[in-house]
Amino acid sequence: QVQLVESGGGLVQPGGSLRLSCVASGFTFSSRAMSWYRQAPGKEREWVADISSAGTSYGNSAKGRFTISRDNAKNTMYLQMNSLKLEDTAVYYCRTVVLQQIYWGQGTQVTVSS
């Protein structure tokens, strides 16, 4: 079955960097578009970035600071996050759609704090 497992979250100071990973299994990873979302406490889940054969796209909160990438040989997607801000604190999720069904990982916590 489809599984998405995120890792790489943690505690970082403002201005710092983190790289998140999402390991996928149960489907043909290379053929699927993949996404990162995040959810801060008390807020709705927010789209962060997409990657597909057509390229990459970013939400306003990620533009210029975050980079989405993938390694199809490792069935893994990444999110490089630089210049982190307090407001980037959230649980970060990876997402894909397979046969019209949406799948989410369990999430990884990113906390930006001084």
PDB file of N, CA and C in Angstrom:
ATOM      1  N   GLN A   1       0.832  -1.185   0.000  1.00  0.00           N
ATOM      2  CA  GLN A   1       0.000   0.000   0.000  1.00  0.00           C
ATOM      3  C   GLN A   1       0.874   1.245   0.000  1.00  0.00           C
ATOM      4  N   VAL A   2       0.259   2.367  -0.338  1.00  0.00           N
ATOM      5  CA  VAL A   2       1.000   3.625  -0.410  1.00  0.00           C
ATOM      6  C   VAL A   2       1.423   4.051   0.998  1.00  0.00           C
ATOM      7  N   GLN A   3       2.690   4.364   1.122  1.00  0.00           N
ATOM      8  CA  GLN A   3       3.202   4.883   2.391  1.00  0.00           C
ATOM      9  C   GLN A   3       4.109   6.070   2.112  1.00  0.00           C
ATOM     10  N   LEU A   4       3.982   7.074   2.957  1.00  0.00           N
ATOM     11  CA  LEU A   4       4.823   8.256   2.903  1.00  0.00           C
ATOM     12  C   LEU A   4       5.361   8.488   4.315  1.00  0.00           C
ATOM     13  N   VAL A   5       6.668   8.584   4.435  1.00  0.00           N
ATOM     14  CA  VAL A   5       7.285   8.734   5.753  1.00  0.00           C
ATOM     15  C   VAL A   5       8.219   9.937   5.729  1.00  0.00           C
ATOM     16  N   GLU A   6       7.849  10.953   6.505  1.00  0.00           N
ATOM     17  CA  GLU A   6       8.663  12.166   6.591  1.00  0.00           C
ATOM     18  C   GLU A   6       9.689  12.049   7.720  1.00  0.00           C
ATOM     19  N   SER A   7      10.768  12.785   7.574  1.00  0.00           N
ATOM     20  CA  SER A   7      11.775  12.892   8.620  1.00  0.00           C
ATOM     21  C   SER A   7      12.560  14.174   8.411  1.00  0.00           C
ATOM     22  N   GLY A   8      13.381  14.509   9.393  1.00  0.00           N
ATOM     23  CA  GLY A   8      14.260  15.665   9.257  1.00  0.00           C
ATOM     24  C   GLY A   8      13.837  16.891  10.033  1.00  0.00           C
ATOM     25  N   GLY A   9      12.665  16.838  10.640  1.00  0.00           N
ATOM     26  CA  GLY A   9      12.234  17.980  11.426  1.00  0.00           C
ATOM     27  C   GLY A   9      13.059  18.120  12.695  1.00  0.00           C
ATOM     28  N   GLY A  10      12.818  19.230  13.391  1.00  0.00           N
ATOM     29  CA  GLY A  10      13.536  19.463  14.639  1.00  0.00           C
ATOM     30  C   GLY A  10      13.419  20.895  15.080  1.00  0.00           C
ATOM     31  N   LEU A  11      14.256  21.240  16.050  1.00  0.00           N
ATOM     32  CA  LEU A  11      14.292  22.585  16.604  1.00  0.00           C
ATOM     33  C   LEU A  11      15.447  23.351  15.970  1.00  0.00           C
ATOM     34  N   VAL A  12      15.159  24.533  15.472  1.00  0.00           N
ATOM     35  CA  VAL A  12      16.189  25.338  14.814  1.00  0.00           C
ATOM     36  C   VAL A  12      15.971  26.803  15.176  1.00  0.00           C
ATOM     37  N   GLN A  13      17.046  27.558  15.215  1.00  0.00           N
ATOM     38  CA  GLN A  13      16.946  28.982  15.525  1.00  0.00           C
ATOM     39  C   GLN A  13      16.519  29.764  14.284  1.00  0.00           C
ATOM     40  N   PRO A  14      15.932  30.920  14.482  1.00  0.00           N
ATOM     41  CA  PRO A  14      15.596  31.773  13.326  1.00  0.00           C
ATOM     42  C   PRO A  14      16.840  32.030  12.479  1.00  0.00           C
ATOM     43  N   GLY A  15      16.640  31.959  11.171  1.00  0.00           N
ATOM     44  CA  GLY A  15      17.755  32.117  10.244  1.00  0.00           C
ATOM     45  C   GLY A  15      18.450  30.819   9.895  1.00  0.00           C
ATOM     46  N   GLY A  16      18.122  29.755  10.598  1.00  0.00           N
ATOM     47  CA  GLY A  16      18.750  28.467  10.359  1.00  0.00           C
ATOM     48  C   GLY A  16      18.142  27.702   9.200  1.00  0.00           C
ATOM     49  N   SER A  17      18.631  26.483   9.012  1.00  0.00           N
ATOM     50  CA  SER A  17      18.192  25.651   7.892  1.00  0.00           C
ATOM     51  C   SER A  17      17.863  24.243   8.369  1.00  0.00           C
ATOM     52  N   LEU A  18      16.980  23.610   7.625  1.00  0.00           N
ATOM     53  CA  LEU A  18      16.659  22.199   7.819  1.00  0.00           C
ATOM     54  C   LEU A  18      16.381  21.587   6.455  1.00  0.00           C
ATOM     55  N   ARG A  19      16.620  20.294   6.353  1.00  0.00           N
ATOM     56  CA  ARG A  19      16.209  19.559   5.157  1.00  0.00           C
ATOM     57  C   ARG A  19      15.280  18.426   5.564  1.00  0.00           C
ATOM     58  N   LEU A  20      14.083  18.475   5.040  1.00  0.00           N
ATOM     59  CA  LEU A  20      13.104  17.429   5.279  1.00  0.00           C
ATOM     60  C   LEU A  20      13.178  16.390   4.175  1.00  0.00           C
ATOM     61  N   SER A  21      12.856  15.153   4.532  1.00  0.00           N
ATOM     62  CA  SER A  21      12.804  14.060   3.569  1.00  0.00           C
ATOM     63  C   SER A  21      11.450  13.373   3.651  1.00  0.00           C
ATOM     64  N   CYS A  22      11.035  12.833   2.531  1.00  0.00           N
ATOM     65  CA  CYS A  22       9.803  12.040   2.465  1.00  0.00           C
ATOM     66  C   CYS A  22      10.120  10.802   1.637  1.00  0.00           C
ATOM     67  N   VAL A  23      10.127   9.651   2.300  1.00  0.00           N
ATOM     68  CA  VAL A  23      10.380   8.389   1.602  1.00  0.00           C
ATOM     69  C   VAL A  23       9.050   7.757   1.237  1.00  0.00           C
ATOM     70  N   ALA A  24       8.910   7.410  -0.030  1.00  0.00           N
ATOM     71  CA  ALA A  24       7.647   6.883  -0.544  1.00  0.00           C
ATOM     72  C   ALA A  24       7.776   5.412  -0.910  1.00  0.00           C
ATOM     73  N   SER A  25       6.668   4.694  -0.797  1.00  0.00           N
ATOM     74  CA  SER A  25       6.626   3.295  -1.214  1.00  0.00           C
ATOM     75  C   SER A  25       5.203   2.930  -1.591  1.00  0.00           C
ATOM     76  N   GLY A  26       5.073   1.834  -2.332  1.00  0.00           N
ATOM     77  CA  GLY A  26       3.756   1.323  -2.687  1.00  0.00           C
ATOM     78  C   GLY A  26       3.178   1.857  -3.981  1.00  0.00           C
ATOM     79  N   PHE A  27       3.949   2.680  -4.682  1.00  0.00           N
ATOM     80  CA  PHE A  27       3.494   3.195  -5.979  1.00  0.00           C
ATOM     81  C   PHE A  27       4.720   3.575  -6.797  1.00  0.00           C
ATOM     82  N   THR A  28       4.493   3.886  -8.064  1.00  0.00           N
ATOM     83  CA  THR A  28       5.602   4.267  -8.943  1.00  0.00           C
ATOM     84  C   THR A  28       5.947   5.720  -8.687  1.00  0.00           C
ATOM     85  N   PHE A  29       6.901   5.922  -7.813  1.00  0.00           N
ATOM     86  CA  PHE A  29       7.228   7.263  -7.318  1.00  0.00           C
ATOM     87  C   PHE A  29       7.574   8.220  -8.452  1.00  0.00           C
ATOM     88  N   SER A  30       8.365   7.765  -9.405  1.00  0.00           N
ATOM     89  CA  SER A  30       8.881   8.674 -10.434  1.00  0.00           C
ATOM     90  C   SER A  30       7.781   9.274 -11.299  1.00  0.00           C
ATOM     91  N   SER A  31       6.638   8.633 -11.342  1.00  0.00           N
ATOM     92  CA  SER A  31       5.576   9.100 -12.226  1.00  0.00           C
ATOM     93  C   SER A  31       4.563  10.006 -11.540  1.00  0.00           C
ATOM     94  N   ARG A  32       4.701  10.191 -10.245  1.00  0.00           N
ATOM     95  CA  ARG A  32       3.704  10.942  -9.485  1.00  0.00           C
ATOM     96  C   ARG A  32       4.199  12.314  -9.066  1.00  0.00           C
ATOM     97  N   ALA A  33       3.309  13.283  -9.168  1.00  0.00           N
ATOM     98  CA  ALA A  33       3.596  14.582  -8.567  1.00  0.00           C
ATOM     99  C   ALA A  33       3.573  14.433  -7.051  1.00  0.00           C
ATOM    100  N   MET A  34       4.423  15.188  -6.399  1.00  0.00           N
ATOM    101  CA  MET A  34       4.532  15.143  -4.943  1.00  0.00           C
ATOM    102  C   MET A  34       4.435  16.562  -4.394  1.00  0.00           C
ATOM    103  N   SER A  35       3.971  16.655  -3.168  1.00  0.00           N
ATOM    104  CA  SER A  35       3.773  17.970  -2.564  1.00  0.00           C
ATOM    105  C   SER A  35       4.223  17.975  -1.114  1.00  0.00           C
ATOM    106  N   TRP A  36       4.566  19.167  -0.658  1.00  0.00           N
ATOM    107  CA  TRP A  36       4.749  19.435   0.772  1.00  0.00           C
ATOM    108  C   TRP A  36       3.653  20.391   1.223  1.00  0.00           C
ATOM    109  N   TYR A  37       3.103  20.088   2.380  1.00  0.00           N
ATOM    110  CA  TYR A  37       2.154  20.955   3.051  1.00  0.00           C
ATOM    111  C   TYR A  37       2.645  21.160   4.478  1.00  0.00           C
ATOM    112  N   ARG A  38       2.048  22.134   5.151  1.00  0.00           N
ATOM    113  CA  ARG A  38       2.358  22.315   6.563  1.00  0.00           C
ATOM    114  C   ARG A  38       1.111  22.785   7.299  1.00  0.00           C
ATOM    115  N   GLN A  39       1.118  22.530   8.605  1.00  0.00           N
ATOM    116  CA  GLN A  39       0.004  22.967   9.450  1.00  0.00           C
ATOM    117  C   GLN A  39       0.545  23.483  10.762  1.00  0.00           C
ATOM    118  N   ALA A  40       0.314  24.762  10.989  1.00  0.00           N
ATOM    119  CA  ALA A  40       0.713  25.387  12.239  1.00  0.00           C
ATOM    120  C   ALA A  40      -0.409  25.235  13.264  1.00  0.00           C
ATOM    121  N   PRO A  41      -0.080  25.320  14.544  1.00  0.00           N
ATOM    122  CA  PRO A  41      -1.113  25.167  15.588  1.00  0.00           C
ATOM    123  C   PRO A  41      -2.248  26.170  15.390  1.00  0.00           C
ATOM    124  N   GLY A  42      -3.468  25.654  15.391  1.00  0.00           N
ATOM    125  CA  GLY A  42      -4.632  26.515  15.276  1.00  0.00           C
ATOM    126  C   GLY A  42      -4.914  27.037  13.884  1.00  0.00           C
ATOM    127  N   LYS A  43      -4.148  26.563  12.890  1.00  0.00           N
ATOM    128  CA  LYS A  43      -4.344  27.050  11.520  1.00  0.00           C
ATOM    129  C   LYS A  43      -4.670  25.892  10.591  1.00  0.00           C
ATOM    130  N   GLU A  44      -5.184  26.243   9.415  1.00  0.00           N
ATOM    131  CA  GLU A  44      -5.489  25.229   8.420  1.00  0.00           C
ATOM    132  C   GLU A  44      -4.194  24.737   7.752  1.00  0.00           C
ATOM    133  N   ARG A  45      -4.274  23.543   7.187  1.00  0.00           N
ATOM    134  CA  ARG A  45      -3.130  23.016   6.454  1.00  0.00           C
ATOM    135  C   ARG A  45      -2.873  23.885   5.220  1.00  0.00           C
ATOM    136  N   GLU A  46      -1.602  24.177   4.996  1.00  0.00           N
ATOM    137  CA  GLU A  46      -1.205  25.135   3.958  1.00  0.00           C
ATOM    138  C   GLU A  46      -0.278  24.461   2.963  1.00  0.00           C
ATOM    139  N   TRP A  47      -0.521  24.688   1.681  1.00  0.00           N
ATOM    140  CA  TRP A  47       0.353  24.160   0.643  1.00  0.00           C
ATOM    141  C   TRP A  47       1.682  24.902   0.657  1.00  0.00           C
ATOM    142  N   VAL A  48       2.781  24.132   0.538  1.00  0.00           N
ATOM    143  CA  VAL A  48       4.117  24.729   0.551  1.00  0.00           C
ATOM    144  C   VAL A  48       4.766  24.669  -0.836  1.00  0.00           C
ATOM    145  N   ALA A  49       4.780  23.471  -1.439  1.00  0.00           N
ATOM    146  CA  ALA A  49       5.477  23.322  -2.721  1.00  0.00           C
ATOM    147  C   ALA A  49       5.053  22.030  -3.405  1.00  0.00           C
ATOM    148  N   ASP A  50       5.208  22.009  -4.736  1.00  0.00           N
ATOM    149  CA  ASP A  50       4.935  20.853  -5.572  1.00  0.00           C
ATOM    150  C   ASP A  50       6.148  20.532  -6.417  1.00  0.00           C
ATOM    151  N   ILE A  51       6.277  19.259  -6.790  1.00  0.00           N
ATOM    152  CA  ILE A  51       7.259  18.873  -7.781  1.00  0.00           C
ATOM    153  C   ILE A  51       6.661  17.787  -8.661  1.00  0.00           C
ATOM    154  N   SER A  52       6.856  17.921  -9.960  1.00  0.00           N
ATOM    155  CA  SER A  52       6.348  16.952 -10.911  1.00  0.00           C
ATOM    156  C   SER A  52       7.232  16.989 -12.146  1.00  0.00           C
ATOM    157  N   SER A  53       6.847  16.215 -13.153  1.00  0.00           N
ATOM    158  CA  SER A  53       7.598  16.216 -14.412  1.00  0.00           C
ATOM    159  C   SER A  53       7.540  17.582 -15.091  1.00  0.00           C
ATOM    160  N   ALA A  54       6.540  18.365 -14.713  1.00  0.00           N
ATOM    161  CA  ALA A  54       6.392  19.699 -15.310  1.00  0.00           C
ATOM    162  C   ALA A  54       7.268  20.742 -14.631  1.00  0.00           C
ATOM    163  N   GLY A  55       7.828  20.387 -13.481  1.00  0.00           N
ATOM    164  CA  GLY A  55       8.675  21.327 -12.775  1.00  0.00           C
ATOM    165  C   GLY A  55       8.284  21.482 -11.324  1.00  0.00           C
ATOM    166  N   THR A  56       8.607  22.636 -10.761  1.00  0.00           N
ATOM    167  CA  THR A  56       8.331  22.905  -9.358  1.00  0.00           C
ATOM    168  C   THR A  56       7.506  24.179  -9.221  1.00  0.00           C
ATOM    169  N   SER A  57       6.787  24.258  -8.138  1.00  0.00           N
ATOM    170  CA  SER A  57       6.048  25.475  -7.830  1.00  0.00           C
ATOM    171  C   SER A  57       6.014  25.627  -6.316  1.00  0.00           C
ATOM    172  N   TYR A  58       5.869  26.894  -5.877  1.00  0.00           N
ATOM    173  CA  TYR A  58       5.966  27.212  -4.459  1.00  0.00           C
ATOM    174  C   TYR A  58       4.855  28.137  -4.022  1.00  0.00           C
ATOM    175  N   GLY A  59       4.426  27.944  -2.781  1.00  0.00           N
ATOM    176  CA  GLY A  59       3.533  28.894  -2.177  1.00  0.00           C
ATOM    177  C   GLY A  59       4.287  30.148  -1.774  1.00  0.00           C
ATOM    178  N   ASN A  60       3.550  31.193  -1.495  1.00  0.00           N
ATOM    179  CA  ASN A  60       4.183  32.474  -1.192  1.00  0.00           C
ATOM    180  C   ASN A  60       5.108  32.377   0.022  1.00  0.00           C
ATOM    181  N   SER A  61       4.750  31.537   0.978  1.00  0.00           N
ATOM    182  CA  SER A  61       5.566  31.430   2.190  1.00  0.00           C
ATOM    183  C   SER A  61       6.915  30.769   1.921  1.00  0.00           C
ATOM    184  N   ALA A  62       7.022  30.030   0.830  1.00  0.00           N
ATOM    185  CA  ALA A  62       8.232  29.262   0.548  1.00  0.00           C
ATOM    186  C   ALA A  62       9.131  29.901  -0.509  1.00  0.00           C
ATOM    187  N   LYS A  63       8.589  30.767  -1.306  1.00  0.00           N
ATOM    188  CA  LYS A  63       9.347  31.332  -2.434  1.00  0.00           C
ATOM    189  C   LYS A  63      10.611  32.034  -1.961  1.00  0.00           C
ATOM    190  N   GLY A  64      11.722  31.659  -2.592  1.00  0.00           N
ATOM    191  CA  GLY A  64      12.991  32.311  -2.298  1.00  0.00           C
ATOM    192  C   GLY A  64      13.738  31.746  -1.110  1.00  0.00           C
ATOM    193  N   ARG A  65      13.067  30.896  -0.314  1.00  0.00           N
ATOM    194  CA  ARG A  65      13.724  30.336   0.885  1.00  0.00           C
ATOM    195  C   ARG A  65      13.761  28.820   0.882  1.00  0.00           C
ATOM    196  N   PHE A  66      12.753  28.197   0.299  1.00  0.00           N
ATOM    197  CA  PHE A  66      12.651  26.732   0.303  1.00  0.00           C
ATOM    198  C   PHE A  66      12.915  26.195  -1.098  1.00  0.00           C
ATOM    199  N   THR A  67      13.466  24.979  -1.158  1.00  0.00           N
ATOM    200  CA  THR A  67      13.686  24.305  -2.431  1.00  0.00           C
ATOM    201  C   THR A  67      13.188  22.875  -2.339  1.00  0.00           C
ATOM    202  N   ILE A  68      12.279  22.516  -3.233  1.00  0.00           N
ATOM    203  CA  ILE A  68      11.774  21.152  -3.293  1.00  0.00           C
ATOM    204  C   ILE A  68      12.571  20.384  -4.346  1.00  0.00           C
ATOM    205  N   SER A  69      12.863  19.130  -4.053  1.00  0.00           N
ATOM    206  CA  SER A  69      13.594  18.294  -5.009  1.00  0.00           C
ATOM    207  C   SER A  69      13.210  16.842  -4.775  1.00  0.00           C
ATOM    208  N   ARG A  70      13.684  15.986  -5.660  1.00  0.00           N
ATOM    209  CA  ARG A  70      13.385  14.564  -5.519  1.00  0.00           C
ATOM    210  C   ARG A  70      14.521  13.742  -6.089  1.00  0.00           C
ATOM    211  N   ASP A  71      14.657  12.535  -5.548  1.00  0.00           N
ATOM    212  CA  ASP A  71      15.603  11.548  -6.061  1.00  0.00           C
ATOM    213  C   ASP A  71      14.785  10.306  -6.380  1.00  0.00           C
ATOM    214  N   ASN A  72      14.461  10.132  -7.646  1.00  0.00           N
ATOM    215  CA  ASN A  72      13.592   9.012  -8.034  1.00  0.00           C
ATOM    216  C   ASN A  72      14.248   7.662  -7.786  1.00  0.00           C
ATOM    217  N   ALA A  73      15.560   7.604  -7.828  1.00  0.00           N
ATOM    218  CA  ALA A  73      16.257   6.342  -7.562  1.00  0.00           C
ATOM    219  C   ALA A  73      16.102   5.914  -6.110  1.00  0.00           C
ATOM    220  N   LYS A  74      15.861   6.888  -5.226  1.00  0.00           N
ATOM    221  CA  LYS A  74      15.708   6.595  -3.801  1.00  0.00           C
ATOM    222  C   LYS A  74      14.256   6.723  -3.344  1.00  0.00           C
ATOM    223  N   ASN A  75      13.354   6.982  -4.275  1.00  0.00           N
ATOM    224  CA  ASN A  75      11.933   7.163  -3.920  1.00  0.00           C
ATOM    225  C   ASN A  75      11.781   8.196  -2.802  1.00  0.00           C
ATOM    226  N   THR A  76      12.517   9.267  -2.914  1.00  0.00           N
ATOM    227  CA  THR A  76      12.562  10.250  -1.844  1.00  0.00           C
ATOM    228  C   THR A  76      12.396  11.668  -2.386  1.00  0.00           C
ATOM    229  N   MET A  77      11.605  12.440  -1.672  1.00  0.00           N
ATOM    230  CA  MET A  77      11.423  13.859  -1.953  1.00  0.00           C
ATOM    231  C   MET A  77      12.034  14.643  -0.798  1.00  0.00           C
ATOM    232  N   TYR A  78      12.521  15.834  -1.109  1.00  0.00           N
ATOM    233  CA  TYR A  78      13.174  16.658  -0.106  1.00  0.00           C
ATOM    234  C   TYR A  78      12.562  18.059  -0.080  1.00  0.00           C
ATOM    235  N   LEU A  79      12.751  18.714   1.061  1.00  0.00           N
ATOM    236  CA  LEU A  79      12.440  20.134   1.156  1.00  0.00           C
ATOM    237  C   LEU A  79      13.582  20.789   1.923  1.00  0.00           C
ATOM    238  N   GLN A  80      14.399  21.535   1.191  1.00  0.00           N
ATOM    239  CA  GLN A  80      15.474  22.299   1.814  1.00  0.00           C
ATOM    240  C   GLN A  80      14.897  23.634   2.251  1.00  0.00           C
ATOM    241  N   MET A  81      14.984  23.917   3.536  1.00  0.00           N
ATOM    242  CA  MET A  81      14.407  25.143   4.088  1.00  0.00           C
ATOM    243  C   MET A  81      15.522  26.005   4.653  1.00  0.00           C
ATOM    244  N   ASN A  82      15.688  27.184   4.114  1.00  0.00           N
ATOM    245  CA  ASN A  82      16.706  28.125   4.556  1.00  0.00           C
ATOM    246  C   ASN A  82      16.054  29.387   5.113  1.00  0.00           C
ATOM    247  N   SER A  83      16.836  30.157   5.830  1.00  0.00           N
ATOM    248  CA  SER A  83      16.352  31.429   6.397  1.00  0.00           C
ATOM    249  C   SER A  83      15.038  31.231   7.139  1.00  0.00           C
ATOM    250  N   LEU A  84      15.002  30.239   7.981  1.00  0.00           N
ATOM    251  CA  LEU A  84      13.761  29.896   8.670  1.00  0.00           C
ATOM    252  C   LEU A  84      13.316  31.011   9.611  1.00  0.00           C
ATOM    253  N   LYS A  85      12.006  31.176   9.684  1.00  0.00           N
ATOM    254  CA  LYS A  85      11.379  32.202  10.499  1.00  0.00           C
ATOM    255  C   LYS A  85      10.513  31.551  11.573  1.00  0.00           C
ATOM    256  N   LEU A  86      10.197  32.331  12.598  1.00  0.00           N
ATOM    257  CA  LEU A  86       9.331  31.810  13.665  1.00  0.00           C
ATOM    258  C   LEU A  86       8.032  31.259  13.086  1.00  0.00           C
ATOM    259  N   GLU A  87       7.519  31.951  12.077  1.00  0.00           N
ATOM    260  CA  GLU A  87       6.222  31.558  11.508  1.00  0.00           C
ATOM    261  C   GLU A  87       6.292  30.305  10.630  1.00  0.00           C
ATOM    262  N   ASP A  88       7.487  29.759  10.448  1.00  0.00           N
ATOM    263  CA  ASP A  88       7.609  28.478   9.737  1.00  0.00           C
ATOM    264  C   ASP A  88       7.355  27.294  10.663  1.00  0.00           C
ATOM    265  N   THR A  89       7.193  27.552  11.950  1.00  0.00           N
ATOM    266  CA  THR A  89       6.897  26.482  12.896  1.00  0.00           C
ATOM    267  C   THR A  89       5.593  25.807  12.523  1.00  0.00           C
ATOM    268  N   ALA A  90       5.645  24.490  12.329  1.00  0.00           N
ATOM    269  CA  ALA A  90       4.481  23.734  11.871  1.00  0.00           C
ATOM    270  C   ALA A  90       4.852  22.258  11.795  1.00  0.00           C
ATOM    271  N   VAL A  91       3.835  21.449  11.615  1.00  0.00           N
ATOM    272  CA  VAL A  91       4.054  20.059  11.211  1.00  0.00           C
ATOM    273  C   VAL A  91       4.044  20.039   9.685  1.00  0.00           C
ATOM    274  N   TYR A  92       5.078  19.455   9.112  1.00  0.00           N
ATOM    275  CA  TYR A  92       5.224  19.396   7.660  1.00  0.00           C
ATOM    276  C   TYR A  92       4.853  17.993   7.174  1.00  0.00           C
ATOM    277  N   TYR A  93       4.011  17.969   6.138  1.00  0.00           N
ATOM    278  CA  TYR A  93       3.500  16.721   5.589  1.00  0.00           C
ATOM    279  C   TYR A  93       3.860  16.595   4.110  1.00  0.00           C
ATOM    280  N   CYS A  94       4.132  15.389   3.673  1.00  0.00           N
ATOM    281  CA  CYS A  94       4.199  15.146   2.240  1.00  0.00           C
ATOM    282  C   CYS A  94       2.900  14.503   1.794  1.00  0.00           C
ATOM    283  N   ARG A  95       2.604  14.698   0.531  1.00  0.00           N
ATOM    284  CA  ARG A  95       1.311  14.314  -0.033  1.00  0.00           C
ATOM    285  C   ARG A  95       1.486  13.873  -1.466  1.00  0.00           C
ATOM    286  N   THR A  96       0.680  12.863  -1.855  1.00  0.00           N
ATOM    287  CA  THR A  96       0.596  12.487  -3.249  1.00  0.00           C
ATOM    288  C   THR A  96      -0.815  12.008  -3.545  1.00  0.00           C
ATOM    289  N   VAL A  97      -1.105  11.856  -4.812  1.00  0.00           N
ATOM    290  CA  VAL A  97      -2.399  11.345  -5.255  1.00  0.00           C
ATOM    291  C   VAL A  97      -2.134  10.138  -6.142  1.00  0.00           C
ATOM    292  N   VAL A  98      -2.730   9.017  -5.785  1.00  0.00           N
ATOM    293  CA  VAL A  98      -2.592   7.791  -6.560  1.00  0.00           C
ATOM    294  C   VAL A  98      -3.985   7.241  -6.822  1.00  0.00           C
ATOM    295  N   LEU A  99      -4.279   7.029  -8.097  1.00  0.00           N
ATOM    296  CA  LEU A  99      -5.615   6.530  -8.498  1.00  0.00           C
ATOM    297  C   LEU A  99      -6.716   7.369  -7.851  1.00  0.00           C
ATOM    298  N   GLN A 100      -6.533   8.680  -7.905  1.00  0.00           N
ATOM    299  CA  GLN A 100      -7.504   9.667  -7.437  1.00  0.00           C
ATOM    300  C   GLN A 100      -7.697   9.661  -5.925  1.00  0.00           C
ATOM    301  N   GLN A 101      -6.839   8.963  -5.205  1.00  0.00           N
ATOM    302  CA  GLN A 101      -6.909   8.980  -3.747  1.00  0.00           C
ATOM    303  C   GLN A 101      -5.720   9.761  -3.193  1.00  0.00           C
ATOM    304  N   ILE A 102      -6.005  10.621  -2.228  1.00  0.00           N
ATOM    305  CA  ILE A 102      -4.963  11.440  -1.617  1.00  0.00           C
ATOM    306  C   ILE A 102      -4.331  10.686  -0.449  1.00  0.00           C
ATOM    307  N   TYR A 103      -3.005  10.719  -0.429  1.00  0.00           N
ATOM    308  CA  TYR A 103      -2.259  10.084   0.650  1.00  0.00           C
ATOM    309  C   TYR A 103      -1.378  11.127   1.342  1.00  0.00           C
ATOM    310  N   TRP A 104      -1.315  11.014   2.657  1.00  0.00           N
ATOM    311  CA  TRP A 104      -0.500  11.904   3.479  1.00  0.00           C
ATOM    312  C   TRP A 104       0.475  11.080   4.316  1.00  0.00           C
ATOM    313  N   GLY A 105       1.621  11.659   4.597  1.00  0.00           N
ATOM    314  CA  GLY A 105       2.493  11.076   5.585  1.00  0.00           C
ATOM    315  C   GLY A 105       2.020  11.450   6.980  1.00  0.00           C
ATOM    316  N   GLN A 106       2.775  11.004   7.976  1.00  0.00           N
ATOM    317  CA  GLN A 106       2.390  11.259   9.366  1.00  0.00           C
ATOM    318  C   GLN A 106       2.843  12.627   9.840  1.00  0.00           C
ATOM    319  N   GLY A 107       3.735  13.240   9.096  1.00  0.00           N
ATOM    320  CA  GLY A 107       4.206  14.576   9.422  1.00  0.00           C
ATOM    321  C   GLY A 107       5.487  14.575  10.233  1.00  0.00           C
ATOM    322  N   THR A 108       6.217  15.674  10.124  1.00  0.00           N
ATOM    323  CA  THR A 108       7.423  15.882  10.925  1.00  0.00           C
ATOM    324  C   THR A 108       7.385  17.306  11.473  1.00  0.00           C
ATOM    325  N   GLN A 109       7.663  17.455  12.754  1.00  0.00           N
ATOM    326  CA  GLN A 109       7.551  18.745  13.432  1.00  0.00           C
ATOM    327  C   GLN A 109       8.780  19.602  13.170  1.00  0.00           C
ATOM    328  N   VAL A 110       8.534  20.816  12.750  1.00  0.00           N
ATOM    329  CA  VAL A 110       9.584  21.826  12.619  1.00  0.00           C
ATOM    330  C   VAL A 110       9.259  22.955  13.588  1.00  0.00           C
ATOM    331  N   THR A 111      10.187  23.235  14.480  1.00  0.00           N
ATOM    332  CA  THR A 111      10.012  24.309  15.447  1.00  0.00           C
ATOM    333  C   THR A 111      11.142  25.310  15.290  1.00  0.00           C
ATOM    334  N   VAL A 112      10.772  26.544  14.992  1.00  0.00           N
ATOM    335  CA  VAL A 112      11.753  27.619  14.860  1.00  0.00           C
ATOM    336  C   VAL A 112      11.621  28.503  16.091  1.00  0.00           C
ATOM    337  N   SER A 113      12.675  28.543  16.882  1.00  0.00           N
ATOM    338  CA  SER A 113      12.617  29.269  18.151  1.00  0.00           C
ATOM    339  C   SER A 113      14.015  29.680  18.575  1.00  0.00           C
ATOM    340  N   SER A 114      14.087  30.829  19.220  1.00  0.00           N
ATOM    341  CA  SER A 114      15.370  31.280  19.751  1.00  0.00           C
ATOM    342  C   SER A 114      15.506  30.863  21.216  1.00  0.00           C
TER     343      SER A 114
END
